[in-house]
Amino acid sequence: MDKTAIRNAATVVLVRDAATAPRVLMGQRGSKAAFMPDRFVFPGGAVDAGDAFVPMAEPLPDGCLARIDERSVPGLGPALAAAAIRELWEETGLALGLPGIWSGDVPEDWLGFAGAGFVPAAGALSFVFRAITPPGRPRRFDARFFVADVAAVQGDPDDFSRASGELGHLQWIPLERVREFHLPFVTEVVLAEVAAALPDLGPPETVPFFDNGAEESLFRRLGGVGPMQGYGG
């Protein structure tokens, strides 16, 4: 695998008590991780080849699919949604899905999810942010951030017993305290966008896009009118 290539990725900002005392689910990456070691992050990771073929009990909302297609290869939305749900399951043990039985063969990465009796459901996900990792980093991702209310999760939201261990110190962090933690820059920006929209967790009319895909870094708005300004990455 070319480690310098920009890989599509998906991240889930899971929110609890959005209307009263909002908290977000985060965990800490290991100190030896090649990408963002020791940082507190949202669950997420790269899209796998099989994610595009995962059945969904509920698809992404049409508005989210349309925003994802902007300035991108069309049709990535379902794979990104599947990756977001799979990474949330792997890293936290929480299932964003509906009770059901899969049709056809279950991919290896999804055996635990299917075995727990769930089919992934993307209807509660809202596409709220996109960012491409700046050049010069050991890994580069074209990451799409989704927000969802914890009410869409099956089971106990405090039960992380099925987590893979990739993220340590999994916890629900109050928004008012989250900047006390060691966060990546882009995570702080995403949190600001989510906080500004609360208690609404629905798809926004325009989606911020930190575009580091070319030599010049631009802050765009998907659904907007193009580049807004340069920014520091």
Protein backbone atom coordinates (compact mmCIF):
# COMPACT_ATOMS: atom_id res chain seq x y z
CA MET A 1 0.00 0.00 0.00
CA ASP A 2 1.23 3.48 -0.90
CA LYS A 3 1.34 5.23 2.47
CA THR A 4 1.58 8.64 0.78
CA ALA A 5 -1.71 8.18 -1.07
CA ILE A 6 -4.79 10.03 0.15
CA ARG A 7 -7.29 7.43 1.37
CA ASN A 8 -11.01 7.97 1.80
CA ALA A 9 -12.02 7.78 5.44
CA ALA A 10 -15.07 8.23 7.65
CA THR A 11 -15.47 9.41 11.24
CA VAL A 12 -18.43 9.43 13.62
CA VAL A 13 -19.15 12.21 16.12
CA LEU A 14 -21.59 10.48 18.45
CA VAL A 15 -23.52 12.96 20.63
CA ARG A 16 -25.36 12.31 23.87
CA ASP A 17 -27.85 14.61 25.62
CA ALA A 18 -27.66 17.08 22.73
CA ALA A 19 -30.42 19.35 24.04
CA THR A 20 -29.39 19.49 27.70
CA ALA A 21 -25.76 18.71 28.58
CA PRO A 22 -24.10 17.57 25.33
CA ARG A 23 -21.29 15.04 25.45
CA VAL A 24 -19.28 13.42 22.67
CA LEU A 25 -17.67 9.98 22.53
CA MET A 26 -13.89 10.05 22.14
CA GLY A 27 -10.90 7.80 22.72
CA GLN A 28 -7.14 8.16 22.78
CA ARG A 29 -4.86 6.84 20.05
CA GLY A 30 -1.80 4.88 21.17
CA SER A 31 1.56 6.53 21.70
CA LYS A 32 3.09 4.38 18.93
CA ALA A 33 0.39 5.08 16.35
CA ALA A 34 1.79 6.37 13.06
CA PHE A 35 -1.07 8.85 12.67
CA MET A 36 -1.90 11.33 15.46
CA PRO A 37 -0.30 9.44 18.37
CA ASP A 38 -1.65 10.18 21.86
CA ARG A 39 -4.44 12.39 20.51
CA PHE A 40 -8.06 12.11 21.58
CA VAL A 41 -10.17 11.50 18.49
CA PHE A 42 -13.59 10.37 17.34
CA PRO A 43 -14.01 6.77 16.17
CA GLY A 44 -13.13 6.45 12.50
CA GLY A 45 -10.80 5.10 9.86
CA ALA A 46 -10.19 4.33 6.21
CA VAL A 47 -12.78 2.92 3.84
CA ASP A 48 -12.27 -0.78 3.01
CA ALA A 49 -12.88 -2.19 -0.46
CA GLY A 50 -15.86 -4.22 0.75
CA ASP A 51 -17.65 -1.31 2.41
CA ALA A 52 -19.36 -0.34 -0.83
CA PHE A 53 -21.25 -3.67 -0.89
CA VAL A 54 -22.53 -3.74 2.69
CA PRO A 55 -26.35 -3.87 2.90
CA MET A 56 -28.04 -1.02 4.76
CA ALA A 57 -31.27 -1.21 6.72
CA GLU A 58 -31.51 2.56 6.19
CA PRO A 59 -29.52 4.61 3.63
CA LEU A 60 -27.85 7.96 4.19
CA PRO A 61 -30.26 10.89 3.75
CA ASP A 62 -30.38 12.16 0.16
CA GLY A 63 -29.04 15.57 1.15
CA CYS A 64 -25.92 13.97 2.65
CA LEU A 65 -25.34 11.88 -0.47
CA ALA A 66 -25.57 15.00 -2.64
CA ARG A 67 -23.04 16.91 -0.50
CA ILE A 68 -20.64 13.96 -0.46
CA ASP A 69 -20.69 13.82 -4.26
CA GLU A 70 -19.54 17.44 -4.57
CA ARG A 71 -15.85 17.80 -5.48
CA SER A 72 -15.52 14.03 -5.23
CA VAL A 73 -15.86 10.81 -7.16
CA PRO A 74 -19.66 10.32 -7.36
CA GLY A 75 -21.23 7.45 -5.48
CA LEU A 76 -18.89 7.23 -2.47
CA GLY A 77 -21.64 7.95 0.06
CA PRO A 78 -22.77 4.39 0.83
CA ALA A 79 -19.19 3.14 1.29
CA LEU A 80 -18.35 6.07 3.57
CA ALA A 81 -21.45 5.46 5.67
CA ALA A 82 -20.59 1.78 5.98
CA ALA A 83 -17.02 2.60 6.97
CA ALA A 84 -18.25 5.03 9.62
CA ILE A 85 -20.55 2.41 11.15
CA ARG A 86 -17.89 -0.34 10.94
CA GLU A 87 -15.22 1.81 12.57
CA LEU A 88 -17.60 2.85 15.33
CA TRP A 89 -18.30 -0.82 16.00
CA GLU A 90 -14.65 -1.88 15.89
CA GLU A 91 -13.30 0.92 18.05
CA THR A 92 -16.12 1.27 20.59
CA GLY A 93 -18.28 -1.87 20.34
CA LEU A 94 -21.38 0.29 19.74
CA ALA A 95 -23.76 -0.75 16.96
CA LEU A 96 -25.37 1.86 14.76
CA GLY A 97 -27.96 -0.35 13.09
CA LEU A 98 -31.29 -2.10 13.32
CA PRO A 99 -32.13 -5.66 14.41
CA GLY A 100 -32.11 -7.94 11.40
CA ILE A 101 -30.52 -10.76 9.43
CA TRP A 102 -28.05 -10.13 6.62
CA SER A 103 -28.80 -11.28 3.11
CA GLY A 104 -25.92 -13.15 1.48
CA ASP A 105 -22.39 -13.59 2.79
CA VAL A 106 -21.16 -11.39 5.62
CA PRO A 107 -17.71 -9.79 5.07
CA GLU A 108 -15.13 -10.81 7.64
CA ASP A 109 -14.90 -7.29 9.10
CA TRP A 110 -18.64 -7.37 9.77
CA LEU A 111 -18.98 -10.82 11.36
CA GLY A 112 -19.18 -9.47 14.90
CA PHE A 113 -21.74 -6.84 13.96
CA ALA A 114 -23.93 -9.34 12.10
CA GLY A 115 -23.43 -11.92 14.84
CA ALA A 116 -24.84 -9.48 17.38
CA GLY A 117 -28.04 -9.48 15.32
CA PHE A 118 -27.79 -6.11 13.60
CA VAL A 119 -27.84 -4.73 10.05
CA PRO A 120 -26.08 -1.37 9.66
CA ALA A 121 -28.35 1.67 9.33
CA ALA A 122 -27.12 5.06 8.10
CA GLY A 123 -30.38 6.98 8.41
CA ALA A 124 -29.29 8.72 11.62
CA LEU A 125 -25.96 9.92 10.19
CA SER A 126 -25.54 13.53 9.07
CA PHE A 127 -22.56 14.56 6.93
CA VAL A 128 -21.18 17.68 8.63
CA PHE A 129 -17.49 18.13 7.73
CA ARG A 130 -14.77 17.10 5.28
CA ALA A 131 -11.01 17.49 5.63
CA ILE A 132 -8.00 16.31 3.63
CA THR A 133 -4.85 15.77 5.69
CA PRO A 134 -2.15 18.33 4.74
CA PRO A 135 0.95 17.18 2.81
CA GLY A 136 3.97 16.01 4.76
CA ARG A 137 2.08 13.84 7.24
CA PRO A 138 2.88 10.09 7.62
CA ARG A 139 -0.68 9.23 6.58
CA ARG A 140 -3.12 11.27 4.51
CA PHE A 141 -6.89 10.88 4.48
CA ASP A 142 -9.83 12.49 2.77
CA ALA A 143 -12.03 12.25 5.85
CA ARG A 144 -15.77 12.79 5.99
CA PHE A 145 -17.18 13.48 9.44
CA PHE A 146 -20.68 12.32 10.35
CA VAL A 147 -22.67 13.26 13.44
CA ALA A 148 -25.33 11.06 15.04
CA ASP A 149 -27.40 11.00 18.18
CA VAL A 150 -26.61 8.16 20.58
CA ALA A 151 -30.32 7.30 20.54
CA ALA A 152 -29.67 5.54 17.21
CA VAL A 153 -27.22 3.12 18.87
CA GLN A 154 -28.42 -0.33 19.90
CA GLY A 155 -27.87 -1.30 23.52
CA ASP A 156 -26.03 0.36 26.39
CA PRO A 157 -23.99 3.40 25.22
CA ASP A 158 -21.64 2.94 28.18
CA ASP A 159 -20.79 -0.66 27.30
CA PHE A 160 -17.46 -0.70 25.45
CA SER A 161 -16.73 -4.36 26.21
CA ARG A 162 -16.77 -5.32 22.51
CA ALA A 163 -14.28 -2.61 21.48
CA SER A 164 -11.11 -3.71 19.70
CA GLY A 165 -8.77 -1.76 21.97
CA GLU A 166 -7.48 0.46 19.17
CA LEU A 167 -8.71 3.50 21.08
CA GLY A 168 -7.94 3.77 24.76
CA HIS A 169 -9.74 5.70 27.50
CA LEU A 170 -13.09 5.64 25.70
CA GLN A 171 -15.39 8.12 27.41
CA TRP A 172 -18.25 10.55 27.01
CA ILE A 173 -16.71 14.01 27.30
CA PRO A 174 -18.82 17.11 28.06
CA LEU A 175 -18.47 19.68 25.28
CA GLU A 176 -17.56 22.29 27.86
CA ARG A 177 -14.52 20.22 28.88
CA VAL A 178 -13.39 18.67 25.63
CA ARG A 179 -10.66 21.21 24.92
CA GLU A 180 -8.90 20.14 28.10
CA PHE A 181 -7.88 17.03 26.14
CA HIS A 182 -5.06 16.64 23.60
CA LEU A 183 -6.95 17.10 20.32
CA PRO A 184 -5.92 17.33 16.68
CA PHE A 185 -6.54 20.74 15.11
CA VAL A 186 -9.22 19.46 12.76
CA THR A 187 -11.06 17.81 15.66
CA GLU A 188 -11.32 21.16 17.42
CA VAL A 189 -12.78 22.72 14.28
CA VAL A 190 -15.32 19.92 13.83
CA LEU A 191 -16.37 20.22 17.48
CA ALA A 192 -16.95 23.95 17.02
CA GLU A 193 -19.21 23.27 14.03
CA VAL A 194 -21.19 20.62 15.90
CA ALA A 195 -21.53 22.78 19.02
CA ALA A 196 -22.78 25.74 16.98
CA ALA A 197 -25.57 23.63 15.48
CA LEU A 198 -26.79 21.99 18.70
CA PRO A 199 -29.32 20.75 19.55
CA ASP A 200 -29.90 20.17 15.81
CA LEU A 201 -28.01 17.10 14.55
CA GLY A 202 -29.58 17.10 11.09
CA PRO A 203 -27.66 17.59 7.82
CA PRO A 204 -26.51 21.21 7.41
CA GLU A 205 -27.30 23.18 4.25
CA THR A 206 -23.60 23.62 3.56
CA VAL A 207 -20.67 21.48 4.73
CA PRO A 208 -17.22 22.90 5.59
CA PHE A 209 -14.36 21.38 3.59
CA PHE A 210 -10.69 21.82 4.52
CA ASP A 211 -9.18 21.12 1.11
CA ASN A 212 -5.48 20.23 1.28
CA GLY A 213 -5.60 18.16 -1.92
CA ALA A 214 -3.54 20.63 -3.95
CA GLU A 215 -0.60 22.93 -3.25
CA GLU A 216 -2.84 25.66 -1.84
CA SER A 217 -4.89 24.99 1.28
CA LEU A 218 -8.46 26.21 0.95
CA PHE A 219 -11.52 26.36 3.17
CA ARG A 220 -14.51 25.55 0.99
CA ARG A 221 -18.22 25.08 1.58
CA LEU A 222 -19.85 22.11 -0.10
CA GLY A 223 -23.19 23.40 -1.26
CA GLY A 224 -21.73 26.91 -1.25
CA VAL A 225 -20.01 29.01 -3.87
CA GLY A 226 -16.42 27.76 -3.84
CA PRO A 227 -13.21 28.66 -1.97
CA MET A 228 -13.62 30.96 1.01
CA GLN A 229 -10.08 31.53 2.28
CA GLY A 230 -6.72 29.99 2.96
CA TYR A 231 -6.09 28.50 6.39
CA GLY A 232 -3.35 27.01 8.46
CA GLY A 233 -3.27 23.21 8.62
